[in-house]
PDB file of N, CA and C in Angstrom:
ATOM      1  N   MET A   1       0.837  -1.175   0.000  1.00  0.00           N
ATOM      2  CA  MET A   1       0.000   0.000   0.000  1.00  0.00           C
ATOM      3  C   MET A   1       0.886   1.244   0.000  1.00  0.00           C
ATOM      4  N   ILE A   2       0.494   2.237  -0.725  1.00  0.00           N
ATOM      5  CA  ILE A   2       1.269   3.478  -0.844  1.00  0.00           C
ATOM      6  C   ILE A   2       0.918   4.417   0.311  1.00  0.00           C
ATOM      7  N   ASN A   3       1.938   4.916   0.959  1.00  0.00           N
ATOM      8  CA  ASN A   3       1.746   5.913   2.014  1.00  0.00           C
ATOM      9  C   ASN A   3       1.736   7.279   1.332  1.00  0.00           C
ATOM     10  N   TRP A   4       0.550   7.814   1.082  1.00  0.00           N
ATOM     11  CA  TRP A   4       0.413   9.050   0.318  1.00  0.00           C
ATOM     12  C   TRP A   4       0.977  10.256   1.058  1.00  0.00           C
ATOM     13  N   ARG A   5       0.887  10.250   2.374  1.00  0.00           N
ATOM     14  CA  ARG A   5       1.456  11.378   3.134  1.00  0.00           C
ATOM     15  C   ARG A   5       2.978  11.422   2.978  1.00  0.00           C
ATOM     16  N   GLU A   6       3.596  10.258   3.024  1.00  0.00           N
ATOM     17  CA  GLU A   6       5.053  10.189   2.843  1.00  0.00           C
ATOM     18  C   GLU A   6       5.424  10.582   1.412  1.00  0.00           C
ATOM     19  N   PHE A   7       4.641  10.132   0.453  1.00  0.00           N
ATOM     20  CA  PHE A   7       4.866  10.491  -0.936  1.00  0.00           C
ATOM     21  C   PHE A   7       4.755  12.002  -1.123  1.00  0.00           C
ATOM     22  N   ASP A   8       3.730  12.604  -0.537  1.00  0.00           N
ATOM     23  CA  ASP A   8       3.519  14.049  -0.619  1.00  0.00           C
ATOM     24  C   ASP A   8       4.690  14.802   0.017  1.00  0.00           C
ATOM     25  N   ARG A   9       5.175  14.302   1.168  1.00  0.00           N
ATOM     26  CA  ARG A   9       6.306  14.931   1.839  1.00  0.00           C
ATOM     27  C   ARG A   9       7.555  14.878   0.964  1.00  0.00           C
ATOM     28  N   MET A  10       7.781  13.747   0.308  1.00  0.00           N
ATOM     29  CA  MET A  10       8.958  13.595  -0.557  1.00  0.00           C
ATOM     30  C   MET A  10       8.883  14.555  -1.747  1.00  0.00           C
ATOM     31  N   ILE A  11       7.717  14.685  -2.339  1.00  0.00           N
ATOM     32  CA  ILE A  11       7.549  15.597  -3.470  1.00  0.00           C
ATOM     33  C   ILE A  11       7.775  17.040  -3.017  1.00  0.00           C
ATOM     34  N   ASP A  12       7.203  17.410  -1.875  1.00  0.00           N
ATOM     35  CA  ASP A  12       7.412  18.758  -1.339  1.00  0.00           C
ATOM     36  C   ASP A  12       8.895  19.026  -1.107  1.00  0.00           C
ATOM     37  N   GLU A  13       9.592  18.045  -0.573  1.00  0.00           N
ATOM     38  CA  GLU A  13      11.020  18.202  -0.292  1.00  0.00           C
ATOM     39  C   GLU A  13      11.814  18.371  -1.583  1.00  0.00           C
ATOM     40  N   MET A  14      11.451  17.594  -2.609  1.00  0.00           N
ATOM     41  CA  MET A  14      12.166  17.671  -3.881  1.00  0.00           C
ATOM     42  C   MET A  14      12.006  19.034  -4.540  1.00  0.00           C
ATOM     43  N   PHE A  15      10.856  19.656  -4.374  1.00  0.00           N
ATOM     44  CA  PHE A  15      10.577  20.909  -5.064  1.00  0.00           C
ATOM     45  C   PHE A  15      10.507  22.103  -4.117  1.00  0.00           C
ATOM     46  N   SER A  16      11.191  22.026  -2.976  1.00  0.00           N
ATOM     47  CA  SER A  16      11.119  23.117  -2.014  1.00  0.00           C
ATOM     48  C   SER A  16      12.235  24.138  -2.197  1.00  0.00           C
ATOM     49  N   PHE A  17      12.911  24.130  -3.336  1.00  0.00           N
ATOM     50  CA  PHE A  17      13.974  25.088  -3.586  1.00  0.00           C
ATOM     51  C   PHE A  17      13.378  26.438  -3.970  1.00  0.00           C
ATOM     52  N   PRO A  18      14.121  27.530  -3.736  1.00  0.00           N
ATOM     53  CA  PRO A  18      13.615  28.843  -4.128  1.00  0.00           C
ATOM     54  C   PRO A  18      13.468  28.938  -5.646  1.00  0.00           C
ATOM     55  N   ILE A  19      12.469  29.646  -6.061  1.00  0.00           N
ATOM     56  CA  ILE A  19      12.194  29.811  -7.477  1.00  0.00           C
ATOM     57  C   ILE A  19      13.012  30.983  -7.997  1.00  0.00           C
ATOM     58  N   SER A  20      13.511  30.861  -9.217  1.00  0.00           N
ATOM     59  CA  SER A  20      14.354  31.915  -9.770  1.00  0.00           C
ATOM     60  C   SER A  20      13.586  33.224  -9.875  1.00  0.00           C
ATOM     61  N   ASN A  21      14.315  34.302 -10.085  1.00  0.00           N
ATOM     62  CA  ASN A  21      13.719  35.632 -10.066  1.00  0.00           C
ATOM     63  C   ASN A  21      13.072  36.005 -11.396  1.00  0.00           C
ATOM     64  N   ARG A  22      12.485  35.071 -12.058  1.00  0.00           N
ATOM     65  CA  ARG A  22      11.840  35.348 -13.322  1.00  0.00           C
ATOM     66  C   ARG A  22      10.351  35.648 -13.150  1.00  0.00           C
ATOM     67  N   GLY A  23       9.932  36.042 -11.953  1.00  0.00           N
ATOM     68  CA  GLY A  23       8.556  36.435 -11.718  1.00  0.00           C
ATOM     69  C   GLY A  23       7.631  35.319 -11.279  1.00  0.00           C
ATOM     70  N   TRP A  24       8.145  34.138 -10.992  1.00  0.00           N
ATOM     71  CA  TRP A  24       7.316  33.016 -10.582  1.00  0.00           C
ATOM     72  C   TRP A  24       7.072  33.040  -9.083  1.00  0.00           C
ATOM     73  N   ASP A  25       5.864  32.708  -8.670  1.00  0.00           N
ATOM     74  CA  ASP A  25       5.502  32.591  -7.263  1.00  0.00           C
ATOM     75  C   ASP A  25       5.024  31.167  -7.008  1.00  0.00           C
ATOM     76  N   LYS A  26       5.427  30.623  -5.869  1.00  0.00           N
ATOM     77  CA  LYS A  26       5.008  29.272  -5.485  1.00  0.00           C
ATOM     78  C   LYS A  26       4.120  29.398  -4.261  1.00  0.00           C
ATOM     79  N   LYS A  27       2.935  28.791  -4.317  1.00  0.00           N
ATOM     80  CA  LYS A  27       2.000  28.845  -3.198  1.00  0.00           C
ATOM     81  C   LYS A  27       1.487  27.443  -2.921  1.00  0.00           C
ATOM     82  N   THR A  28       1.319  27.149  -1.637  1.00  0.00           N
ATOM     83  CA  THR A  28       0.822  25.841  -1.229  1.00  0.00           C
ATOM     84  C   THR A  28      -0.463  26.022  -0.431  1.00  0.00           C
ATOM     85  N   PHE A  29      -1.449  25.209  -0.738  1.00  0.00           N
ATOM     86  CA  PHE A  29      -2.709  25.209  -0.010  1.00  0.00           C
ATOM     87  C   PHE A  29      -2.826  23.890   0.733  1.00  0.00           C
ATOM     88  N   ARG A  30      -3.174  23.969   2.004  1.00  0.00           N
ATOM     89  CA  ARG A  30      -3.438  22.776   2.795  1.00  0.00           C
ATOM     90  C   ARG A  30      -4.798  22.957   3.476  1.00  0.00           C
ATOM     91  N   SER A  31      -5.608  21.924   3.409  1.00  0.00           N
ATOM     92  CA  SER A  31      -6.906  21.987   4.077  1.00  0.00           C
ATOM     93  C   SER A  31      -6.677  21.977   5.586  1.00  0.00           C
ATOM     94  N   PRO A  32      -7.642  22.500   6.359  1.00  0.00           N
ATOM     95  CA  PRO A  32      -7.476  22.556   7.821  1.00  0.00           C
ATOM     96  C   PRO A  32      -7.185  21.204   8.462  1.00  0.00           C
ATOM     97  N   ASP A  33      -7.774  20.136   7.932  1.00  0.00           N
ATOM     98  CA  ASP A  33      -7.530  18.815   8.530  1.00  0.00           C
ATOM     99  C   ASP A  33      -6.295  18.127   7.946  1.00  0.00           C
ATOM    100  N   GLY A  34      -5.658  18.737   6.944  1.00  0.00           N
ATOM    101  CA  GLY A  34      -4.442  18.187   6.358  1.00  0.00           C
ATOM    102  C   GLY A  34      -4.664  17.094   5.336  1.00  0.00           C
ATOM    103  N   SER A  35      -5.918  16.806   5.012  1.00  0.00           N
ATOM    104  CA  SER A  35      -6.184  15.712   4.086  1.00  0.00           C
ATOM    105  C   SER A  35      -5.943  16.105   2.626  1.00  0.00           C
ATOM    106  N   ILE A  36      -5.984  17.402   2.333  1.00  0.00           N
ATOM    107  CA  ILE A  36      -5.779  17.868   0.965  1.00  0.00           C
ATOM    108  C   ILE A  36      -4.649  18.891   0.971  1.00  0.00           C
ATOM    109  N   SER A  37      -3.744  18.737   0.025  1.00  0.00           N
ATOM    110  CA  SER A  37      -2.635  19.664  -0.101  1.00  0.00           C
ATOM    111  C   SER A  37      -2.261  19.757  -1.571  1.00  0.00           C
ATOM    112  N   PHE A  38      -2.091  20.977  -2.064  1.00  0.00           N
ATOM    113  CA  PHE A  38      -1.580  21.120  -3.417  1.00  0.00           C
ATOM    114  C   PHE A  38      -0.752  22.394  -3.510  1.00  0.00           C
ATOM    115  N   THR A  39       0.197  22.350  -4.415  1.00  0.00           N
ATOM    116  CA  THR A  39       1.089  23.477  -4.641  1.00  0.00           C
ATOM    117  C   THR A  39       0.939  23.901  -6.086  1.00  0.00           C
ATOM    118  N   TYR A  40       0.905  25.205  -6.296  1.00  0.00           N
ATOM    119  CA  TYR A  40       0.850  25.695  -7.662  1.00  0.00           C
ATOM    120  C   TYR A  40       1.818  26.852  -7.822  1.00  0.00           C
ATOM    121  N   MET A  41       2.208  27.058  -9.055  1.00  0.00           N
ATOM    122  CA  MET A  41       3.118  28.150  -9.374  1.00  0.00           C
ATOM    123  C   MET A  41       2.417  29.064 -10.358  1.00  0.00           C
ATOM    124  N   SER A  42       2.613  30.362 -10.162  1.00  0.00           N
ATOM    125  CA  SER A  42       2.010  31.325 -11.069  1.00  0.00           C
ATOM    126  C   SER A  42       3.037  32.395 -11.398  1.00  0.00           C
ATOM    127  N   ARG A  43       2.804  33.035 -12.500  1.00  0.00           N
ATOM    128  CA  ARG A  43       3.717  34.087 -12.929  1.00  0.00           C
ATOM    129  C   ARG A  43       2.906  35.302 -13.321  1.00  0.00           C
ATOM    130  N   GLY A  44       3.238  36.431 -12.697  1.00  0.00           N
ATOM    131  CA  GLY A  44       2.587  37.679 -13.048  1.00  0.00           C
ATOM    132  C   GLY A  44       3.362  38.379 -14.148  1.00  0.00           C
ATOM    133  N   PHE A  45       2.730  39.290 -14.804  1.00  0.00           N
ATOM    134  CA  PHE A  45       3.399  40.039 -15.857  1.00  0.00           C
ATOM    135  C   PHE A  45       3.867  41.366 -15.300  1.00  0.00           C
ATOM    136  N   GLY A  46       5.097  41.748 -15.628  1.00  0.00           N
ATOM    137  CA  GLY A  46       5.643  43.020 -15.192  1.00  0.00           C
ATOM    138  C   GLY A  46       6.017  43.058 -13.726  1.00  0.00           C
ATOM    139  N   SER A  47       6.105  41.910 -13.088  1.00  0.00           N
ATOM    140  CA  SER A  47       6.445  41.921 -11.674  1.00  0.00           C
ATOM    141  C   SER A  47       7.942  42.128 -11.503  1.00  0.00           C
ATOM    142  N   GLU A  48       8.294  42.757 -10.407  1.00  0.00           N
ATOM    143  CA  GLU A  48       9.691  43.022 -10.106  1.00  0.00           C
ATOM    144  C   GLU A  48      10.376  41.722  -9.705  1.00  0.00           C
ATOM    145  N   PRO A  49      11.609  41.534 -10.133  1.00  0.00           N
ATOM    146  CA  PRO A  49      12.324  40.342  -9.699  1.00  0.00           C
ATOM    147  C   PRO A  49      12.584  40.382  -8.203  1.00  0.00           C
ATOM    148  N   LYS A  50      12.625  39.218  -7.581  1.00  0.00           N
ATOM    149  CA  LYS A  50      12.853  39.124  -6.147  1.00  0.00           C
ATOM    150  C   LYS A  50      14.339  38.981  -5.880  1.00  0.00           C
ATOM    151  N   ASN A  51      14.736  39.224  -4.645  1.00  0.00           N
ATOM    152  CA  ASN A  51      16.130  39.070  -4.267  1.00  0.00           C
ATOM    153  C   ASN A  51      16.416  37.590  -4.075  1.00  0.00           C
ATOM    154  N   ASP A  52      16.861  36.963  -5.155  1.00  0.00           N
ATOM    155  CA  ASP A  52      17.075  35.519  -5.163  1.00  0.00           C
ATOM    156  C   ASP A  52      18.129  35.077  -4.161  1.00  0.00           C
ATOM    157  N   ASP A  53      19.199  35.860  -4.019  1.00  0.00           N
ATOM    158  CA  ASP A  53      20.278  35.474  -3.105  1.00  0.00           C
ATOM    159  C   ASP A  53      19.755  35.322  -1.686  1.00  0.00           C
ATOM    160  N   LEU A  54      18.951  36.255  -1.245  1.00  0.00           N
ATOM    161  CA  LEU A  54      18.418  36.227   0.110  1.00  0.00           C
ATOM    162  C   LEU A  54      17.496  35.029   0.309  1.00  0.00           C
ATOM    163  N   GLU A  55      16.629  34.773  -0.648  1.00  0.00           N
ATOM    164  CA  GLU A  55      15.716  33.629  -0.552  1.00  0.00           C
ATOM    165  C   GLU A  55      16.488  32.311  -0.527  1.00  0.00           C
ATOM    166  N   LEU A  56      17.518  32.216  -1.347  1.00  0.00           N
ATOM    167  CA  LEU A  56      18.329  30.998  -1.384  1.00  0.00           C
ATOM    168  C   LEU A  56      19.036  30.780  -0.050  1.00  0.00           C
ATOM    169  N   LEU A  57      19.605  31.840   0.524  1.00  0.00           N
ATOM    170  CA  LEU A  57      20.279  31.718   1.815  1.00  0.00           C
ATOM    171  C   LEU A  57      19.305  31.302   2.917  1.00  0.00           C
ATOM    172  N   LYS A  58      18.106  31.881   2.898  1.00  0.00           N
ATOM    173  CA  LYS A  58      17.105  31.523   3.910  1.00  0.00           C
ATOM    174  C   LYS A  58      16.703  30.055   3.782  1.00  0.00           C
ATOM    175  N   HIS A  59      16.572  29.588   2.549  1.00  0.00           N
ATOM    176  CA  HIS A  59      16.238  28.183   2.342  1.00  0.00           C
ATOM    177  C   HIS A  59      17.362  27.281   2.849  1.00  0.00           C
ATOM    178  N   LYS A  60      18.608  27.637   2.527  1.00  0.00           N
ATOM    179  CA  LYS A  60      19.749  26.847   2.998  1.00  0.00           C
ATOM    180  C   LYS A  60      19.807  26.825   4.523  1.00  0.00           C
ATOM    181  N   LEU A  61      19.457  27.953   5.157  1.00  0.00           N
ATOM    182  CA  LEU A  61      19.436  28.020   6.618  1.00  0.00           C
ATOM    183  C   LEU A  61      18.400  27.052   7.183  1.00  0.00           C
ATOM    184  N   GLU A  62      17.210  27.029   6.599  1.00  0.00           N
ATOM    185  CA  GLU A  62      16.171  26.110   7.055  1.00  0.00           C
ATOM    186  C   GLU A  62      16.633  24.660   6.946  1.00  0.00           C
ATOM    187  N   VAL A  63      17.276  24.335   5.832  1.00  0.00           N
ATOM    188  CA  VAL A  63      17.761  22.965   5.629  1.00  0.00           C
ATOM    189  C   VAL A  63      18.838  22.631   6.657  1.00  0.00           C
ATOM    190  N   ALA A  64      19.764  23.564   6.892  1.00  0.00           N
ATOM    191  CA  ALA A  64      20.834  23.327   7.864  1.00  0.00           C
ATOM    192  C   ALA A  64      20.264  23.095   9.265  1.00  0.00           C
ATOM    193  N   ILE A  65      19.236  23.851   9.622  1.00  0.00           N
ATOM    194  CA  ILE A  65      18.606  23.685  10.938  1.00  0.00           C
ATOM    195  C   ILE A  65      17.928  22.323  11.034  1.00  0.00           C
ATOM    196  N   GLU A  66      17.197  21.936   9.969  1.00  0.00           N
ATOM    197  CA  GLU A  66      16.527  20.630   9.966  1.00  0.00           C
ATOM    198  C   GLU A  66      17.531  19.491  10.115  1.00  0.00           C
ATOM    199  N   LYS A  67      18.692  19.639   9.485  1.00  0.00           N
ATOM    200  CA  LYS A  67      19.719  18.593   9.545  1.00  0.00           C
ATOM    201  C   LYS A  67      20.614  18.731  10.779  1.00  0.00           C
ATOM    202  N   GLN A  68      20.332  19.725  11.593  1.00  0.00           N
ATOM    203  CA  GLN A  68      21.089  20.030  12.814  1.00  0.00           C
ATOM    204  C   GLN A  68      22.562  20.295  12.514  1.00  0.00           C
ATOM    205  N   GLU A  69      22.815  20.949  11.394  1.00  0.00           N
ATOM    206  CA  GLU A  69      24.161  21.386  11.032  1.00  0.00           C
ATOM    207  C   GLU A  69      24.313  22.837  11.502  1.00  0.00           C
ATOM    208  N   PHE A  70      24.519  22.995  12.787  1.00  0.00           N
ATOM    209  CA  PHE A  70      24.456  24.319  13.395  1.00  0.00           C
ATOM    210  C   PHE A  70      25.648  25.210  13.041  1.00  0.00           C
ATOM    211  N   GLU A  71      26.797  24.619  12.746  1.00  0.00           N
ATOM    212  CA  GLU A  71      27.939  25.429  12.312  1.00  0.00           C
ATOM    213  C   GLU A  71      27.603  26.127  10.992  1.00  0.00           C
ATOM    214  N   GLU A  72      27.016  25.361  10.080  1.00  0.00           N
ATOM    215  CA  GLU A  72      26.592  25.913   8.793  1.00  0.00           C
ATOM    216  C   GLU A  72      25.478  26.938   9.003  1.00  0.00           C
ATOM    217  N   ALA A  73      24.575  26.675   9.940  1.00  0.00           N
ATOM    218  CA  ALA A  73      23.476  27.596  10.224  1.00  0.00           C
ATOM    219  C   ALA A  73      24.003  28.942  10.722  1.00  0.00           C
ATOM    220  N   VAL A  74      25.042  28.922  11.555  1.00  0.00           N
ATOM    221  CA  VAL A  74      25.630  30.172  12.051  1.00  0.00           C
ATOM    222  C   VAL A  74      26.201  30.976  10.894  1.00  0.00           C
ATOM    223  N   LYS A  75      26.936  30.294  10.009  1.00  0.00           N
ATOM    224  CA  LYS A  75      27.525  30.967   8.843  1.00  0.00           C
ATOM    225  C   LYS A  75      26.432  31.584   7.958  1.00  0.00           C
ATOM    226  N   LEU A  76      25.384  30.810   7.694  1.00  0.00           N
ATOM    227  CA  LEU A  76      24.287  31.291   6.848  1.00  0.00           C
ATOM    228  C   LEU A  76      23.535  32.441   7.501  1.00  0.00           C
ATOM    229  N   ARG A  77      23.306  32.345   8.812  1.00  0.00           N
ATOM    230  CA  ARG A  77      22.629  33.423   9.535  1.00  0.00           C
ATOM    231  C   ARG A  77      23.399  34.727   9.390  1.00  0.00           C
ATOM    232  N   ASP A  78      24.725  34.660   9.515  1.00  0.00           N
ATOM    233  CA  ASP A  78      25.546  35.857   9.393  1.00  0.00           C
ATOM    234  C   ASP A  78      25.533  36.413   7.968  1.00  0.00           C
ATOM    235  N   GLU A  79      25.531  35.530   6.973  1.00  0.00           N
ATOM    236  CA  GLU A  79      25.450  35.974   5.578  1.00  0.00           C
ATOM    237  C   GLU A  79      24.123  36.678   5.306  1.00  0.00           C
ATOM    238  N   ILE A  80      23.040  36.127   5.842  1.00  0.00           N
ATOM    239  CA  ILE A  80      21.715  36.733   5.663  1.00  0.00           C
ATOM    240  C   ILE A  80      21.688  38.119   6.304  1.00  0.00           C
ATOM    241  N   LYS A  81      22.219  38.219   7.508  1.00  0.00           N
ATOM    242  CA  LYS A  81      22.242  39.496   8.218  1.00  0.00           C
ATOM    243  C   LYS A  81      23.030  40.542   7.424  1.00  0.00           C
ATOM    244  N   THR A  82      24.194  40.155   6.901  1.00  0.00           N
ATOM    245  CA  THR A  82      25.013  41.069   6.105  1.00  0.00           C
ATOM    246  C   THR A  82      24.276  41.511   4.852  1.00  0.00           C
ATOM    247  N   LEU A  83      23.649  40.573   4.174  1.00  0.00           N
ATOM    248  CA  LEU A  83      22.920  40.891   2.952  1.00  0.00           C
ATOM    249  C   LEU A  83      21.757  41.833   3.238  1.00  0.00           C
ATOM    250  N   GLU A  84      21.038  41.605   4.318  1.00  0.00           N
ATOM    251  CA  GLU A  84      19.909  42.475   4.679  1.00  0.00           C
ATOM    252  C   GLU A  84      20.386  43.876   5.056  1.00  0.00           C
ATOM    253  N   GLU A  85      21.513  43.954   5.770  1.00  0.00           N
ATOM    254  CA  GLU A  85      22.045  45.261   6.173  1.00  0.00           C
ATOM    255  C   GLU A  85      22.512  46.076   4.971  1.00  0.00           C
ATOM    256  N   ASN A  86      23.026  45.405   3.946  1.00  0.00           N
ATOM    257  CA  ASN A  86      23.581  46.094   2.780  1.00  0.00           C
ATOM    258  C   ASN A  86      22.599  46.189   1.617  1.00  0.00           C
ATOM    259  N   LYS A  87      21.347  45.837   1.852  1.00  0.00           N
ATOM    260  CA  LYS A  87      20.353  45.756   0.784  1.00  0.00           C
ATOM    261  C   LYS A  87      20.219  47.068  -0.009  1.00  0.00           C
ATOM    262  N   GLU A  88      20.088  48.192   0.703  1.00  0.00           N
ATOM    263  CA  GLU A  88      19.919  49.480   0.018  1.00  0.00           C
ATOM    264  C   GLU A  88      21.130  49.832  -0.827  1.00  0.00           C
ATOM    265  N   LYS A  89      22.317  49.655  -0.260  1.00  0.00           N
ATOM    266  CA  LYS A  89      23.547  49.978  -0.980  1.00  0.00           C
ATOM    267  C   LYS A  89      23.692  49.086  -2.212  1.00  0.00           C
ATOM    268  N   ILE A  90      23.349  47.808  -2.067  1.00  0.00           N
ATOM    269  CA  ILE A  90      23.432  46.878  -3.196  1.00  0.00           C
ATOM    270  C   ILE A  90      22.479  47.299  -4.309  1.00  0.00           C
ATOM    271  N   LEU A  91      21.249  47.673  -3.954  1.00  0.00           N
ATOM    272  CA  LEU A  91      20.278  48.123  -4.966  1.00  0.00           C
ATOM    273  C   LEU A  91      20.778  49.361  -5.688  1.00  0.00           C
ATOM    274  N   GLU A  92      21.374  50.281  -4.944  1.00  0.00           N
ATOM    275  CA  GLU A  92      21.921  51.511  -5.533  1.00  0.00           C
ATOM    276  C   GLU A  92      23.058  51.177  -6.509  1.00  0.00           C
ATOM    277  N   LEU A  93      23.945  50.298  -6.087  1.00  0.00           N
ATOM    278  CA  LEU A  93      25.065  49.913  -6.951  1.00  0.00           C
ATOM    279  C   LEU A  93      24.592  49.132  -8.174  1.00  0.00           C
ATOM    280  N   GLU A  94      23.559  48.299  -8.008  1.00  0.00           N
ATOM    281  CA  GLU A  94      23.020  47.560  -9.150  1.00  0.00           C
ATOM    282  C   GLU A  94      22.423  48.502 -10.184  1.00  0.00           C
ATOM    283  N   ALA A  95      21.781  49.590  -9.730  1.00  0.00           N
ATOM    284  CA  ALA A  95      21.230  50.585 -10.656  1.00  0.00           C
ATOM    285  C   ALA A  95      22.369  51.272 -11.420  1.00  0.00           C
ATOM    286  N   LYS A  96      23.439  51.618 -10.713  1.00  0.00           N
ATOM    287  CA  LYS A  96      24.594  52.235 -11.371  1.00  0.00           C
ATOM    288  C   LYS A  96      25.250  51.261 -12.341  1.00  0.00           C
ATOM    289  N   LEU A  97      25.297  49.998 -11.964  1.00  0.00           N
ATOM    290  CA  LEU A  97      25.857  48.973 -12.834  1.00  0.00           C
ATOM    291  C   LEU A  97      25.053  48.876 -14.130  1.00  0.00           C
ATOM    292  N   ASP A  98      23.734  48.878 -14.016  1.00  0.00           N
ATOM    293  CA  ASP A  98      22.871  48.826 -15.202  1.00  0.00           C
ATOM    294  C   ASP A  98      23.112  50.021 -16.117  1.00  0.00           C
ATOM    295  N   GLU A  99      23.286  51.211 -15.523  1.00  0.00           N
ATOM    296  CA  GLU A  99      23.570  52.411 -16.311  1.00  0.00           C
ATOM    297  C   GLU A  99      24.869  52.258 -17.086  1.00  0.00           C
ATOM    298  N   CYS A 100      25.888  51.761 -16.404  1.00  0.00           N
ATOM    299  CA  CYS A 100      27.190  51.575 -17.049  1.00  0.00           C
ATOM    300  C   CYS A 100      27.106  50.590 -18.202  1.00  0.00           C
ATOM    301  N   ILE A 101      26.338  49.541 -18.018  1.00  0.00           N
ATOM    302  CA  ILE A 101      26.196  48.545 -19.080  1.00  0.00           C
ATOM    303  C   ILE A 101      25.495  49.165 -20.287  1.00  0.00           C
ATOM    304  N   LYS A 102      24.445  49.948 -20.032  1.00  0.00           N
ATOM    305  CA  LYS A 102      23.739  50.609 -21.136  1.00  0.00           C
ATOM    306  C   LYS A 102      24.656  51.563 -21.888  1.00  0.00           C
ATOM    307  N   LYS A 103      25.537  52.248 -21.166  1.00  0.00           N
ATOM    308  CA  LYS A 103      26.480  53.197 -21.778  1.00  0.00           C
ATOM    309  C   LYS A 103      27.719  52.495 -22.324  1.00  0.00           C
ATOM    310  N   GLN A 104      27.815  51.203 -22.107  1.00  0.00           N
ATOM    311  CA  GLN A 104      28.952  50.380 -22.497  1.00  0.00           C
ATOM    312  C   GLN A 104      30.253  50.850 -21.833  1.00  0.00           C
ATOM    313  N   ASP A 105      30.135  51.349 -20.625  1.00  0.00           N
ATOM    314  CA  ASP A 105      31.290  51.728 -19.809  1.00  0.00           C
ATOM    315  C   ASP A 105      31.641  50.523 -18.939  1.00  0.00           C
ATOM    316  N   PHE A 106      32.264  49.535 -19.556  1.00  0.00           N
ATOM    317  CA  PHE A 106      32.489  48.257 -18.901  1.00  0.00           C
ATOM    318  C   PHE A 106      33.552  48.321 -17.809  1.00  0.00           C
ATOM    319  N   GLU A 107      34.481  49.254 -17.927  1.00  0.00           N
ATOM    320  CA  GLU A 107      35.492  49.407 -16.880  1.00  0.00           C
ATOM    321  C   GLU A 107      34.830  49.799 -15.561  1.00  0.00           C
ATOM    322  N   LYS A 108      33.922  50.756 -15.626  1.00  0.00           N
ATOM    323  CA  LYS A 108      33.194  51.185 -14.429  1.00  0.00           C
ATOM    324  C   LYS A 108      32.245  50.079 -13.958  1.00  0.00           C
ATOM    325  N   ALA A 109      31.662  49.352 -14.897  1.00  0.00           N
ATOM    326  CA  ALA A 109      30.766  48.249 -14.554  1.00  0.00           C
ATOM    327  C   ALA A 109      31.513  47.182 -13.752  1.00  0.00           C
ATOM    328  N   ILE A 110      32.765  46.940 -14.100  1.00  0.00           N
ATOM    329  CA  ILE A 110      33.575  45.965 -13.360  1.00  0.00           C
ATOM    330  C   ILE A 110      33.725  46.416 -11.913  1.00  0.00           C
ATOM    331  N   GLU A 111      33.979  47.714 -11.702  1.00  0.00           N
ATOM    332  CA  GLU A 111      34.123  48.247 -10.345  1.00  0.00           C
ATOM    333  C   GLU A 111      32.846  48.047  -9.538  1.00  0.00           C
ATOM    334  N   TYR A 112      31.698  48.378 -10.142  1.00  0.00           N
ATOM    335  CA  TYR A 112      30.421  48.222  -9.437  1.00  0.00           C
ATOM    336  C   TYR A 112      30.129  46.759  -9.149  1.00  0.00           C
ATOM    337  N   ARG A 113      30.408  45.886 -10.113  1.00  0.00           N
ATOM    338  CA  ARG A 113      30.192  44.455  -9.911  1.00  0.00           C
ATOM    339  C   ARG A 113      31.000  43.945  -8.723  1.00  0.00           C
ATOM    340  N   ASP A 114      32.252  44.361  -8.645  1.00  0.00           N
ATOM    341  CA  ASP A 114      33.120  43.921  -7.556  1.00  0.00           C
ATOM    342  C   ASP A 114      32.656  44.471  -6.205  1.00  0.00           C
ATOM    343  N   LYS A 115      32.180  45.709  -6.198  1.00  0.00           N
ATOM    344  CA  LYS A 115      31.651  46.293  -4.949  1.00  0.00           C
ATOM    345  C   LYS A 115      30.416  45.540  -4.482  1.00  0.00           C
ATOM    346  N   ILE A 116      29.551  45.172  -5.424  1.00  0.00           N
ATOM    347  CA  ILE A 116      28.333  44.414  -5.081  1.00  0.00           C
ATOM    348  C   ILE A 116      28.706  43.050  -4.509  1.00  0.00           C
ATOM    349  N   LYS A 117      29.657  42.368  -5.138  1.00  0.00           N
ATOM    350  CA  LYS A 117      30.100  41.060  -4.629  1.00  0.00           C
ATOM    351  C   LYS A 117      30.666  41.172  -3.220  1.00  0.00           C
ATOM    352  N   ALA A 118      31.434  42.256  -2.976  1.00  0.00           N
ATOM    353  CA  ALA A 118      32.020  42.447  -1.642  1.00  0.00           C
ATOM    354  C   ALA A 118      30.941  42.671  -0.584  1.00  0.00           C
ATOM    355  N   LEU A 119      29.858  43.365  -0.939  1.00  0.00           N
ATOM    356  CA  LEU A 119      28.784  43.628   0.022  1.00  0.00           C
ATOM    357  C   LEU A 119      27.938  42.388   0.288  1.00  0.00           C
ATOM    358  N   LYS A 120      27.876  41.497  -0.681  1.00  0.00           N
ATOM    359  CA  LYS A 120      27.081  40.278  -0.508  1.00  0.00           C
ATOM    360  C   LYS A 120      27.871  39.293   0.311  1.00  0.00           C
TER     361      LYS A 120
END
C-alpha cells in the first residue's frame, strides 16, 4: 500500500527550492484537517524580480537547521544578516551597474560588480 502522506512529503522536499527571479511565485494550499494539499506556481506580468540570493540563503538556513548542522546555520545566519544590512547599498550599486552597461562603460561596470560582490 502506498503511504500518500510520505509520498507528498517527498515531493514537497524535492521541489522546495527557491524559485528563480523570473517572476514566478510558489504557493501551497493545505486543508485545515491536512487531508488535501496542493502546490501551484504562477507568474505575473511586469512583476519586479525578487532578491534571489536572500531567498536561497534563507532556504539553505532552514535545511541546515533541519539537519542540525548548526555550524553551517551560524555561517548562513551571518550571511543573511550582512545581505539584509547592505540591501539598500546593493540596490543603488546595481542601478549604477545597469547604467554603465547601457552606456557600455564596462570598466566602471567591473568596479560596481566587484563592490556588489564584496557587500554580498
